Amino acid sequence: MKFLLSKFASNEAAASYVFLLPNFLGFLVFTSMPVLASLTLSFVDWDLLSPPKYVGFQNFVNLLWFHKAEGSLVANDPLFWKYFYNTVVLMLVIPFSMAGSLLVALAMNQKLRGITVFRTVYFLPTVCSGVALCLLWRWIFNSDFGILNSFLTRTFDLLRLDISPPGWLTDIRYAKPALMLMNFWGAIGGVNMLLYLAALQGVPRELYEAAEMDGANGWQRFRSVTLPFISPTTFFIFIMSVIGGFQGGFMQAFIMTGGGPAGATTTLEYYIYNNAYQWLKMGYAAAIAWFLFLIVFVVTLINWRFGGKLVHY
């Protein structure tokens, strides 16, 4: 054994492979093999109880194909497109959450006494249990005794307005905005804030001083110095937020609304879960997952193709 170790130590390439081996085995067992298994499942019909039955591309046909009904095209699976729409709508909060994260990062970048405490407070929701936060927001949005509707009721009474607060999680019109508000609150002080904070601290101070000497005001310095220097971070955050948006939404919907009302908060991730573990359609769930992967892959390529032109290195 000592001889082998000495041989490995004398060969840097072999030693590096030894150090990489645990991570490679973990990736092989816990990532690549499940991915290949899901690809295989997308071509079978399997209910977890009976043996899998090979159906070829039938799962994808059922998912994506349209047929004529009463003179118009109808999707084979209209629920999929409805939940795809829900997923995209919930992602509309991404630009606002990015702007909020940047504003918070600008505030946290000030040299003030106790600024570390404020940074910790803003980041605290990120390290808290997601389930606990969902339960907290479900109480806030409760239409009967929630703190938000209680505040709105008192405000309307003071203004003498004959308006009833909405049912945030029970009304189709307000369910998605409620989840978007919750996601916005959780995102502005999270990891994106830290990334922006790190990027802001990397901007050379002499550029601000030079711009100030040239007569640039605060907005001009922000637009001409800050934004170009943090554009790589902005691009990275946008890419990861879009990917996370397509893959997210399960926990909030599962805990707060159960996917309702009338499927208004069901996302593609939740639909995959329902097909796999509620309706025991493992093959169909795998087909949805692979189509979702294709969507994320294409959108990411488009972002890299066009969004990269806006980045200054």
C-alpha atoms as a PDB file:
ATOM      1  CA  MET A   1       0.000   0.000   0.000  1.00  0.00           C
ATOM      2  CA  LYS A   2       2.827   2.406   0.863  1.00  0.00           C
ATOM      3  CA  PHE A   3       4.458   1.559  -2.461  1.00  0.00           C
ATOM      4  CA  LEU A   4       1.262   2.382  -4.362  1.00  0.00           C
ATOM      5  CA  LEU A   5       0.817   5.621  -2.465  1.00  0.00           C
ATOM      6  CA  SER A   6       4.367   6.642  -3.222  1.00  0.00           C
ATOM      7  CA  LYS A   7       3.819   5.874  -6.898  1.00  0.00           C
ATOM      8  CA  PHE A   8       0.641   7.968  -6.933  1.00  0.00           C
ATOM      9  CA  ALA A   9       2.385  10.790  -5.094  1.00  0.00           C
ATOM     10  CA  SER A  10       5.190  10.808  -7.660  1.00  0.00           C
ATOM     11  CA  ASN A  11       2.683  11.108 -10.483  1.00  0.00           C
ATOM     12  CA  GLU A  12       0.711  14.334 -10.150  1.00  0.00           C
ATOM     13  CA  ALA A  13      -1.873  13.335 -12.755  1.00  0.00           C
ATOM     14  CA  ALA A  14      -2.606  10.023 -11.060  1.00  0.00           C
ATOM     15  CA  ALA A  15      -2.803  11.717  -7.659  1.00  0.00           C
ATOM     16  CA  SER A  16      -5.309  14.258  -8.985  1.00  0.00           C
ATOM     17  CA  TYR A  17      -7.455  11.428 -10.339  1.00  0.00           C
ATOM     18  CA  VAL A  18      -7.472   9.793  -6.921  1.00  0.00           C
ATOM     19  CA  PHE A  19      -8.689  13.007  -5.304  1.00  0.00           C
ATOM     20  CA  LEU A  20     -11.357  13.411  -7.997  1.00  0.00           C
ATOM     21  CA  LEU A  21     -12.543   9.818  -7.705  1.00  0.00           C
ATOM     22  CA  PRO A  22     -14.954  10.297  -4.729  1.00  0.00           C
ATOM     23  CA  ASN A  23     -16.679  13.229  -6.401  1.00  0.00           C
ATOM     24  CA  PHE A  24     -16.829  11.397  -9.716  1.00  0.00           C
ATOM     25  CA  LEU A  25     -18.359   8.305  -8.099  1.00  0.00           C
ATOM     26  CA  GLY A  26     -20.903  10.490  -6.309  1.00  0.00           C
ATOM     27  CA  PHE A  27     -21.815  12.200  -9.581  1.00  0.00           C
ATOM     28  CA  LEU A  28     -22.075   8.841 -11.335  1.00  0.00           C
ATOM     29  CA  VAL A  29     -24.302   7.214  -8.709  1.00  0.00           C
ATOM     30  CA  PHE A  30     -26.476  10.139  -7.617  1.00  0.00           C
ATOM     31  CA  THR A  31     -26.693  12.265 -10.786  1.00  0.00           C
ATOM     32  CA  SER A  32     -25.835  10.621 -14.094  1.00  0.00           C
ATOM     33  CA  MET A  33     -27.436   7.242 -13.399  1.00  0.00           C
ATOM     34  CA  PRO A  34     -30.767   8.731 -12.230  1.00  0.00           C
ATOM     35  CA  VAL A  35     -30.767  11.014 -15.287  1.00  0.00           C
ATOM     36  CA  LEU A  36     -30.254   8.062 -17.631  1.00  0.00           C
ATOM     37  CA  ALA A  37     -32.876   6.085 -15.713  1.00  0.00           C
ATOM     38  CA  SER A  38     -35.393   8.920 -16.146  1.00  0.00           C
ATOM     39  CA  LEU A  39     -34.654   8.994 -19.870  1.00  0.00           C
ATOM     40  CA  THR A  40     -35.400   5.276 -20.036  1.00  0.00           C
ATOM     41  CA  LEU A  41     -38.597   5.759 -18.037  1.00  0.00           C
ATOM     42  CA  SER A  42     -39.834   8.374 -20.520  1.00  0.00           C
ATOM     43  CA  PHE A  43     -40.276   5.592 -23.096  1.00  0.00           C
ATOM     44  CA  VAL A  44     -42.276   3.230 -20.891  1.00  0.00           C
ATOM     45  CA  ASP A  45     -45.633   3.075 -19.170  1.00  0.00           C
ATOM     46  CA  TRP A  46     -45.060   2.204 -15.507  1.00  0.00           C
ATOM     47  CA  ASP A  47     -47.297   2.556 -12.465  1.00  0.00           C
ATOM     48  CA  LEU A  48     -44.680   1.365  -9.920  1.00  0.00           C
ATOM     49  CA  LEU A  49     -46.731  -1.799  -9.288  1.00  0.00           C
ATOM     50  CA  SER A  50     -46.762  -3.707 -12.566  1.00  0.00           C
ATOM     51  CA  PRO A  51     -43.771  -4.332 -14.863  1.00  0.00           C
ATOM     52  CA  PRO A  52     -42.825  -1.416 -17.171  1.00  0.00           C
ATOM     53  CA  LYS A  53     -44.351  -1.534 -20.658  1.00  0.00           C
ATOM     54  CA  TYR A  54     -42.410  -0.061 -23.563  1.00  0.00           C
ATOM     55  CA  VAL A  55     -44.501   2.530 -25.456  1.00  0.00           C
ATOM     56  CA  GLY A  56     -41.847   4.339 -27.504  1.00  0.00           C
ATOM     57  CA  PHE A  57     -42.557   8.038 -28.015  1.00  0.00           C
ATOM     58  CA  GLN A  58     -46.195   7.754 -26.953  1.00  0.00           C
ATOM     59  CA  ASN A  59     -45.616   9.707 -23.733  1.00  0.00           C
ATOM     60  CA  PHE A  60     -44.184  12.613 -25.707  1.00  0.00           C
ATOM     61  CA  VAL A  61     -47.026  12.416 -28.232  1.00  0.00           C
ATOM     62  CA  ASN A  62     -49.576  12.538 -25.425  1.00  0.00           C
ATOM     63  CA  LEU A  63     -47.730  15.495 -23.967  1.00  0.00           C
ATOM     64  CA  LEU A  64     -47.087  17.677 -27.010  1.00  0.00           C
ATOM     65  CA  TRP A  65     -49.454  16.625 -29.776  1.00  0.00           C
ATOM     66  CA  PHE A  66     -52.633  18.436 -30.784  1.00  0.00           C
ATOM     67  CA  HIS A  67     -55.755  16.933 -32.310  1.00  0.00           C
ATOM     68  CA  LYS A  68     -58.792  18.346 -34.052  1.00  0.00           C
ATOM     69  CA  ALA A  69     -61.998  18.572 -32.067  1.00  0.00           C
ATOM     70  CA  GLU A  70     -65.062  20.413 -33.316  1.00  0.00           C
ATOM     71  CA  GLY A  71     -63.059  22.159 -36.015  1.00  0.00           C
ATOM     72  CA  SER A  72     -60.277  23.468 -33.752  1.00  0.00           C
ATOM     73  CA  LEU A  73     -56.949  22.220 -32.504  1.00  0.00           C
ATOM     74  CA  VAL A  74     -57.004  20.876 -28.965  1.00  0.00           C
ATOM     75  CA  ALA A  75     -53.958  19.771 -26.959  1.00  0.00           C
ATOM     76  CA  ASN A  76     -53.789  16.119 -25.974  1.00  0.00           C
ATOM     77  CA  ASP A  77     -52.837  17.311 -22.496  1.00  0.00           C
ATOM     78  CA  PRO A  78     -54.302  20.791 -21.918  1.00  0.00           C
ATOM     79  CA  LEU A  79     -53.256  20.678 -18.262  1.00  0.00           C
ATOM     80  CA  PHE A  80     -49.597  20.657 -19.264  1.00  0.00           C
ATOM     81  CA  TRP A  81     -49.936  23.913 -21.220  1.00  0.00           C
ATOM     82  CA  LYS A  82     -51.985  25.478 -18.437  1.00  0.00           C
ATOM     83  CA  TYR A  83     -49.297  24.658 -15.890  1.00  0.00           C
ATOM     84  CA  PHE A  84     -46.583  25.772 -18.298  1.00  0.00           C
ATOM     85  CA  TYR A  85     -48.378  29.127 -18.469  1.00  0.00           C
ATOM     86  CA  ASN A  86     -48.534  29.250 -14.658  1.00  0.00           C
ATOM     87  CA  THR A  87     -44.796  28.607 -14.458  1.00  0.00           C
ATOM     88  CA  VAL A  88     -43.972  31.396 -16.921  1.00  0.00           C
ATOM     89  CA  VAL A  89     -46.282  33.891 -15.194  1.00  0.00           C
ATOM     90  CA  LEU A  90     -44.682  33.189 -11.812  1.00  0.00           C
ATOM     91  CA  MET A  91     -41.291  33.888 -13.406  1.00  0.00           C
ATOM     92  CA  LEU A  92     -42.333  37.450 -14.310  1.00  0.00           C
ATOM     93  CA  VAL A  93     -41.222  38.465 -10.808  1.00  0.00           C
ATOM     94  CA  ILE A  94     -37.574  37.714 -11.665  1.00  0.00           C
ATOM     95  CA  PRO A  95     -36.646  41.205 -13.015  1.00  0.00           C
ATOM     96  CA  PHE A  96     -38.275  42.877 -10.004  1.00  0.00           C
ATOM     97  CA  SER A  97     -36.553  40.572  -7.523  1.00  0.00           C
ATOM     98  CA  MET A  98     -33.207  41.201  -9.235  1.00  0.00           C
ATOM     99  CA  ALA A  99     -33.762  44.956  -9.019  1.00  0.00           C
ATOM    100  CA  GLY A 100     -34.740  44.604  -5.366  1.00  0.00           C
ATOM    101  CA  SER A 101     -31.629  42.533  -4.644  1.00  0.00           C
ATOM    102  CA  LEU A 102     -29.464  45.183  -6.256  1.00  0.00           C
ATOM    103  CA  LEU A 103     -31.082  47.970  -4.249  1.00  0.00           C
ATOM    104  CA  VAL A 104     -30.612  46.051  -1.006  1.00  0.00           C
ATOM    105  CA  ALA A 105     -27.000  45.290  -1.962  1.00  0.00           C
ATOM    106  CA  LEU A 106     -26.383  48.987  -2.602  1.00  0.00           C
ATOM    107  CA  ALA A 107     -27.755  49.763   0.844  1.00  0.00           C
ATOM    108  CA  MET A 108     -25.720  46.984   2.462  1.00  0.00           C
ATOM    109  CA  ASN A 109     -22.556  48.241   0.740  1.00  0.00           C
ATOM    110  CA  GLN A 110     -22.527  51.413   2.815  1.00  0.00           C
ATOM    111  CA  LYS A 111     -19.913  51.830   5.529  1.00  0.00           C
ATOM    112  CA  LEU A 112     -22.218  52.197   8.499  1.00  0.00           C
ATOM    113  CA  ARG A 113     -21.957  51.074  12.101  1.00  0.00           C
ATOM    114  CA  GLY A 114     -23.656  47.722  12.581  1.00  0.00           C
ATOM    115  CA  ILE A 115     -23.993  47.031   8.854  1.00  0.00           C
ATOM    116  CA  THR A 116     -23.097  43.375   9.470  1.00  0.00           C
ATOM    117  CA  VAL A 117     -26.215  43.002  11.594  1.00  0.00           C
ATOM    118  CA  PHE A 118     -28.387  44.389   8.800  1.00  0.00           C
ATOM    119  CA  ARG A 119     -26.764  42.047   6.272  1.00  0.00           C
ATOM    120  CA  THR A 120     -27.504  39.108   8.551  1.00  0.00           C
ATOM    121  CA  VAL A 121     -31.121  40.159   9.026  1.00  0.00           C
ATOM    122  CA  TYR A 122     -31.728  40.519   5.289  1.00  0.00           C
ATOM    123  CA  PHE A 123     -30.100  37.152   4.584  1.00  0.00           C
ATOM    124  CA  LEU A 124     -31.919  35.361   7.409  1.00  0.00           C
ATOM    125  CA  PRO A 125     -34.908  34.118   5.329  1.00  0.00           C
ATOM    126  CA  THR A 126     -32.492  32.247   3.064  1.00  0.00           C
ATOM    127  CA  VAL A 127     -31.193  30.059   5.899  1.00  0.00           C
ATOM    128  CA  CYS A 128     -34.614  29.539   7.471  1.00  0.00           C
ATOM    129  CA  SER A 129     -36.706  26.479   6.742  1.00  0.00           C
ATOM    130  CA  GLY A 130     -38.648  26.886   3.513  1.00  0.00           C
ATOM    131  CA  VAL A 131     -41.594  24.967   4.951  1.00  0.00           C
ATOM    132  CA  ALA A 132     -41.740  27.281   7.967  1.00  0.00           C
ATOM    133  CA  LEU A 133     -41.684  30.342   5.709  1.00  0.00           C
ATOM    134  CA  CYS A 134     -44.500  28.933   3.579  1.00  0.00           C
ATOM    135  CA  LEU A 135     -46.590  28.312   6.690  1.00  0.00           C
ATOM    136  CA  LEU A 136     -45.874  31.853   7.867  1.00  0.00           C
ATOM    137  CA  TRP A 137     -46.952  33.351   4.556  1.00  0.00           C
ATOM    138  CA  ARG A 138     -50.039  31.135   4.451  1.00  0.00           C
ATOM    139  CA  TRP A 139     -51.038  32.714   7.760  1.00  0.00           C
ATOM    140  CA  ILE A 140     -50.258  36.204   6.443  1.00  0.00           C
ATOM    141  CA  PHE A 141     -52.423  35.602   3.351  1.00  0.00           C
ATOM    142  CA  ASN A 142     -55.290  34.012   5.277  1.00  0.00           C
ATOM    143  CA  SER A 143     -58.477  35.739   4.133  1.00  0.00           C
ATOM    144  CA  ASP A 144     -60.217  35.503   7.540  1.00  0.00           C
ATOM    145  CA  PHE A 145     -57.606  36.363  10.175  1.00  0.00           C
ATOM    146  CA  GLY A 146     -54.399  36.983   8.236  1.00  0.00           C
ATOM    147  CA  ILE A 147     -52.345  40.033   9.131  1.00  0.00           C
ATOM    148  CA  LEU A 148     -52.417  41.368   5.558  1.00  0.00           C
ATOM    149  CA  ASN A 149     -56.201  41.363   5.235  1.00  0.00           C
ATOM    150  CA  SER A 150     -56.563  42.713   8.767  1.00  0.00           C
ATOM    151  CA  PHE A 151     -54.361  45.651   7.790  1.00  0.00           C
ATOM    152  CA  LEU A 152     -56.287  46.192   4.550  1.00  0.00           C
ATOM    153  CA  THR A 153     -59.629  46.040   6.358  1.00  0.00           C
ATOM    154  CA  ARG A 154     -58.571  48.710   8.850  1.00  0.00           C
ATOM    155  CA  THR A 155     -57.159  50.861   6.059  1.00  0.00           C
ATOM    156  CA  PHE A 156     -60.345  50.641   4.013  1.00  0.00           C
ATOM    157  CA  ASP A 157     -62.409  51.462   7.092  1.00  0.00           C
ATOM    158  CA  LEU A 158     -60.313  54.550   7.824  1.00  0.00           C
ATOM    159  CA  LEU A 159     -60.689  55.692   4.231  1.00  0.00           C
ATOM    160  CA  ARG A 160     -64.390  54.831   4.340  1.00  0.00           C
ATOM    161  CA  LEU A 161     -64.085  52.589   1.297  1.00  0.00           C
ATOM    162  CA  ASP A 162     -66.636  49.845   0.802  1.00  0.00           C
ATOM    163  CA  ILE A 163     -64.053  47.290  -0.346  1.00  0.00           C
ATOM    164  CA  SER A 164     -63.493  43.768   0.936  1.00  0.00           C
ATOM    165  CA  PRO A 165     -59.933  42.380   1.027  1.00  0.00           C
ATOM    166  CA  PRO A 166     -59.314  39.589  -1.489  1.00  0.00           C
ATOM    167  CA  GLY A 167     -58.929  35.909  -0.781  1.00  0.00           C
ATOM    168  CA  TRP A 168     -55.252  35.764  -1.619  1.00  0.00           C
ATOM    169  CA  LEU A 169     -54.872  31.995  -1.781  1.00  0.00           C
ATOM    170  CA  THR A 170     -58.459  31.083  -2.624  1.00  0.00           C
ATOM    171  CA  ASP A 171     -59.152  33.433  -5.540  1.00  0.00           C
ATOM    172  CA  ILE A 172     -57.840  32.552  -9.006  1.00  0.00           C
ATOM    173  CA  ARG A 173     -57.100  36.221  -9.709  1.00  0.00           C
ATOM    174  CA  TYR A 174     -54.880  36.701  -6.646  1.00  0.00           C
ATOM    175  CA  ALA A 175     -53.261  33.300  -6.032  1.00  0.00           C
ATOM    176  CA  LYS A 176     -50.359  33.773  -8.434  1.00  0.00           C
ATOM    177  CA  PRO A 177     -49.671  37.403  -7.400  1.00  0.00           C
ATOM    178  CA  ALA A 178     -49.621  36.251  -3.766  1.00  0.00           C
ATOM    179  CA  LEU A 179     -46.942  33.644  -4.492  1.00  0.00           C
ATOM    180  CA  MET A 180     -45.019  36.163  -6.575  1.00  0.00           C
ATOM    181  CA  LEU A 181     -45.053  38.603  -3.653  1.00  0.00           C
ATOM    182  CA  MET A 182     -43.725  35.903  -1.360  1.00  0.00           C
ATOM    183  CA  ASN A 183     -40.978  34.946  -3.842  1.00  0.00           C
ATOM    184  CA  PHE A 184     -40.017  38.601  -4.231  1.00  0.00           C
ATOM    185  CA  TRP A 185     -39.684  38.998  -0.454  1.00  0.00           C
ATOM    186  CA  GLY A 186     -37.504  35.912  -0.190  1.00  0.00           C
ATOM    187  CA  ALA A 187     -35.286  36.789  -3.158  1.00  0.00           C
ATOM    188  CA  ILE A 188     -34.313  40.396  -2.516  1.00  0.00           C
ATOM    189  CA  GLY A 189     -32.253  39.595   0.563  1.00  0.00           C
ATOM    190  CA  GLY A 190     -30.974  36.170  -0.408  1.00  0.00           C
ATOM    191  CA  VAL A 191     -28.057  34.807  -2.377  1.00  0.00           C
ATOM    192  CA  ASN A 192     -28.578  37.329  -5.179  1.00  0.00           C
ATOM    193  CA  MET A 193     -28.019  40.151  -2.703  1.00  0.00           C
ATOM    194  CA  LEU A 194     -24.725  38.590  -1.603  1.00  0.00           C
ATOM    195  CA  LEU A 195     -23.590  38.172  -5.206  1.00  0.00           C
ATOM    196  CA  TYR A 196     -24.395  41.783  -5.972  1.00  0.00           C
ATOM    197  CA  LEU A 197     -22.701  42.878  -2.752  1.00  0.00           C
ATOM    198  CA  ALA A 198     -19.530  41.021  -3.718  1.00  0.00           C
ATOM    199  CA  ALA A 199     -19.661  42.543  -7.213  1.00  0.00           C
ATOM    200  CA  LEU A 200     -20.147  46.062  -5.842  1.00  0.00           C
ATOM    201  CA  GLN A 201     -17.173  45.705  -3.536  1.00  0.00           C
ATOM    202  CA  GLY A 202     -15.076  44.726  -6.550  1.00  0.00           C
ATOM    203  CA  VAL A 203     -15.726  47.959  -8.450  1.00  0.00           C
ATOM    204  CA  PRO A 204     -12.541  50.103  -8.360  1.00  0.00           C
ATOM    205  CA  ARG A 205     -13.060  53.144  -6.135  1.00  0.00           C
ATOM    206  CA  GLU A 206     -10.825  55.296  -8.332  1.00  0.00           C
ATOM    207  CA  LEU A 207     -13.383  55.083 -11.130  1.00  0.00           C
ATOM    208  CA  TYR A 208     -16.017  56.640  -8.892  1.00  0.00           C
ATOM    209  CA  GLU A 209     -13.558  59.358  -7.904  1.00  0.00           C
ATOM    210  CA  ALA A 210     -12.673  60.056 -11.534  1.00  0.00           C
ATOM    211  CA  ALA A 211     -16.341  60.210 -12.530  1.00  0.00           C
ATOM    212  CA  GLU A 212     -17.073  62.558  -9.633  1.00  0.00           C
ATOM    213  CA  MET A 213     -14.212  64.821 -10.659  1.00  0.00           C
ATOM    214  CA  ASP A 214     -15.682  64.918 -14.173  1.00  0.00           C
ATOM    215  CA  GLY A 215     -18.933  66.209 -12.707  1.00  0.00           C
ATOM    216  CA  ALA A 216     -21.000  63.005 -12.863  1.00  0.00           C
ATOM    217  CA  ASN A 217     -23.896  62.860 -10.420  1.00  0.00           C
ATOM    218  CA  GLY A 218     -24.975  59.780  -8.473  1.00  0.00           C
ATOM    219  CA  TRP A 219     -27.213  58.340 -11.190  1.00  0.00           C
ATOM    220  CA  GLN A 220     -24.565  58.903 -13.877  1.00  0.00           C
ATOM    221  CA  ARG A 221     -21.929  57.145 -11.774  1.00  0.00           C
ATOM    222  CA  PHE A 222     -24.315  54.245 -11.188  1.00  0.00           C
ATOM    223  CA  ARG A 223     -25.201  53.958 -14.877  1.00  0.00           C
ATOM    224  CA  SER A 224     -21.712  54.398 -16.321  1.00  0.00           C
ATOM    225  CA  VAL A 225     -19.535  52.750 -13.684  1.00  0.00           C
ATOM    226  CA  THR A 226     -21.542  50.443 -11.423  1.00  0.00           C
ATOM    227  CA  LEU A 227     -23.839  48.751 -13.946  1.00  0.00           C
ATOM    228  CA  PRO A 228     -21.097  47.825 -16.462  1.00  0.00           C
ATOM    229  CA  PHE A 229     -18.856  46.408 -13.756  1.00  0.00           C
ATOM    230  CA  ILE A 230     -21.596  44.269 -12.196  1.00  0.00           C
ATOM    231  CA  SER A 231     -23.057  43.153 -15.557  1.00  0.00           C
ATOM    232  CA  PRO A 232     -21.368  39.699 -15.401  1.00  0.00           C
ATOM    233  CA  THR A 233     -22.997  39.146 -12.014  1.00  0.00           C
ATOM    234  CA  THR A 234     -26.344  40.377 -13.352  1.00  0.00           C
ATOM    235  CA  PHE A 235     -26.091  38.002 -16.299  1.00  0.00           C
ATOM    236  CA  PHE A 236     -25.258  35.065 -14.030  1.00  0.00           C
ATOM    237  CA  ILE A 237     -28.108  35.853 -11.640  1.00  0.00           C
ATOM    238  CA  PHE A 238     -30.571  36.150 -14.522  1.00  0.00           C
ATOM    239  CA  ILE A 239     -29.509  32.811 -16.031  1.00  0.00           C
ATOM    240  CA  MET A 240     -29.758  30.992 -12.701  1.00  0.00           C
ATOM    241  CA  SER A 241     -33.061  32.682 -11.840  1.00  0.00           C
ATOM    242  CA  VAL A 242     -34.635  31.588 -15.125  1.00  0.00           C
ATOM    243  CA  ILE A 243     -33.427  28.016 -14.632  1.00  0.00           C
ATOM    244  CA  GLY A 244     -34.683  28.030 -11.047  1.00  0.00           C
ATOM    245  CA  GLY A 245     -37.982  29.534 -12.152  1.00  0.00           C
ATOM    246  CA  PHE A 246     -38.699  26.699 -14.582  1.00  0.00           C
ATOM    247  CA  GLN A 247     -37.727  24.126 -11.958  1.00  0.00           C
ATOM    248  CA  GLY A 248     -39.410  25.757  -8.968  1.00  0.00           C
ATOM    249  CA  GLY A 249     -42.789  26.419  -7.457  1.00  0.00           C
ATOM    250  CA  PHE A 250     -43.441  23.026  -5.913  1.00  0.00           C
ATOM    251  CA  MET A 251     -42.954  23.762  -2.225  1.00  0.00           C
ATOM    252  CA  GLN A 252     -45.016  26.951  -2.166  1.00  0.00           C
ATOM    253  CA  ALA A 253     -47.909  25.413  -4.085  1.00  0.00           C
ATOM    254  CA  PHE A 254     -47.824  22.126  -2.177  1.00  0.00           C
ATOM    255  CA  ILE A 255     -47.868  23.737   1.267  1.00  0.00           C
ATOM    256  CA  MET A 256     -49.844  26.917   0.709  1.00  0.00           C
ATOM    257  CA  THR A 257     -52.458  26.138  -1.959  1.00  0.00           C
ATOM    258  CA  GLY A 258     -52.256  22.467  -2.916  1.00  0.00           C
ATOM    259  CA  GLY A 259     -51.885  23.668  -6.500  1.00  0.00           C
ATOM    260  CA  GLY A 260     -55.223  25.493  -6.404  1.00  0.00           C
ATOM    261  CA  PRO A 261     -57.485  27.234  -6.679  1.00  0.00           C
ATOM    262  CA  ALA A 262     -58.518  25.336  -9.827  1.00  0.00           C
ATOM    263  CA  GLY A 263     -54.872  24.656 -10.672  1.00  0.00           C
ATOM    264  CA  ALA A 264     -53.966  28.360 -10.701  1.00  0.00           C
ATOM    265  CA  THR A 265     -50.708  27.804  -8.777  1.00  0.00           C
ATOM    266  CA  THR A 266     -49.719  24.384 -10.118  1.00  0.00           C
ATOM    267  CA  THR A 267     -46.343  24.562 -11.862  1.00  0.00           C
ATOM    268  CA  LEU A 268     -44.586  22.071 -14.115  1.00  0.00           C
ATOM    269  CA  GLU A 269     -42.569  20.772 -11.173  1.00  0.00           C
ATOM    270  CA  TYR A 270     -45.762  20.144  -9.202  1.00  0.00           C
ATOM    271  CA  TYR A 271     -47.339  18.499 -12.265  1.00  0.00           C
ATOM    272  CA  ILE A 272     -44.370  16.127 -12.510  1.00  0.00           C
ATOM    273  CA  TYR A 273     -44.802  15.242  -8.845  1.00  0.00           C
ATOM    274  CA  ASN A 274     -48.529  14.584  -9.285  1.00  0.00           C
ATOM    275  CA  ASN A 275     -47.992  12.343 -12.295  1.00  0.00           C
ATOM    276  CA  ALA A 276     -45.225  10.381 -10.614  1.00  0.00           C
ATOM    277  CA  TYR A 277     -46.426   9.953  -7.037  1.00  0.00           C
ATOM    278  CA  GLN A 278     -50.121  10.811  -7.013  1.00  0.00           C
ATOM    279  CA  TRP A 279     -51.304   9.245 -10.267  1.00  0.00           C
ATOM    280  CA  LEU A 280     -48.448   6.695 -10.601  1.00  0.00           C
ATOM    281  CA  LYS A 281     -47.578   7.667 -14.174  1.00  0.00           C
ATOM    282  CA  MET A 282     -43.815   7.446 -13.859  1.00  0.00           C
ATOM    283  CA  GLY A 283     -43.177   7.265 -17.603  1.00  0.00           C
ATOM    284  CA  TYR A 284     -45.303  10.308 -18.344  1.00  0.00           C
ATOM    285  CA  ALA A 285     -43.695  12.233 -15.466  1.00  0.00           C
ATOM    286  CA  ALA A 286     -40.248  11.425 -16.862  1.00  0.00           C
ATOM    287  CA  ALA A 287     -41.335  12.637 -20.313  1.00  0.00           C
ATOM    288  CA  ILE A 288     -42.482  15.952 -18.813  1.00  0.00           C
ATOM    289  CA  ALA A 289     -39.184  16.267 -16.942  1.00  0.00           C
ATOM    290  CA  TRP A 290     -37.166  15.732 -20.114  1.00  0.00           C
ATOM    291  CA  PHE A 291     -39.253  18.207 -22.068  1.00  0.00           C
ATOM    292  CA  LEU A 292     -38.718  20.687 -19.237  1.00  0.00           C
ATOM    293  CA  PHE A 293     -34.985  20.040 -19.490  1.00  0.00           C
ATOM    294  CA  LEU A 294     -35.161  20.798 -23.220  1.00  0.00           C
ATOM    295  CA  ILE A 295     -36.989  24.070 -22.539  1.00  0.00           C
ATOM    296  CA  VAL A 296     -34.425  25.127 -19.947  1.00  0.00           C
ATOM    297  CA  PHE A 297     -31.561  24.158 -22.266  1.00  0.00           C
ATOM    298  CA  VAL A 298     -32.935  26.155 -25.213  1.00  0.00           C
ATOM    299  CA  VAL A 299     -33.771  29.207 -23.099  1.00  0.00           C
ATOM    300  CA  THR A 300     -30.287  29.124 -21.568  1.00  0.00           C
ATOM    301  CA  LEU A 301     -28.679  28.967 -25.015  1.00  0.00           C
ATOM    302  CA  ILE A 302     -30.750  31.949 -26.151  1.00  0.00           C
ATOM    303  CA  ASN A 303     -29.738  33.880 -23.055  1.00  0.00           C
ATOM    304  CA  TRP A 304     -26.070  33.098 -23.667  1.00  0.00           C
ATOM    305  CA  ARG A 305     -26.400  34.042 -27.340  1.00  0.00           C
ATOM    306  CA  PHE A 306     -28.100  37.401 -26.901  1.00  0.00           C
ATOM    307  CA  GLY A 307     -27.684  38.296 -23.244  1.00  0.00           C
ATOM    308  CA  GLY A 308     -23.918  37.878 -23.356  1.00  0.00           C
ATOM    309  CA  LYS A 309     -23.656  40.885 -25.671  1.00  0.00           C
ATOM    310  CA  LEU A 310     -24.808  43.132 -22.841  1.00  0.00           C
ATOM    311  CA  VAL A 311     -22.045  41.970 -20.501  1.00  0.00           C
ATOM    312  CA  HIS A 312     -18.888  44.067 -20.055  1.00  0.00           C
ATOM    313  CA  TYR A 313     -15.784  42.181 -18.884  1.00  0.00           C
END
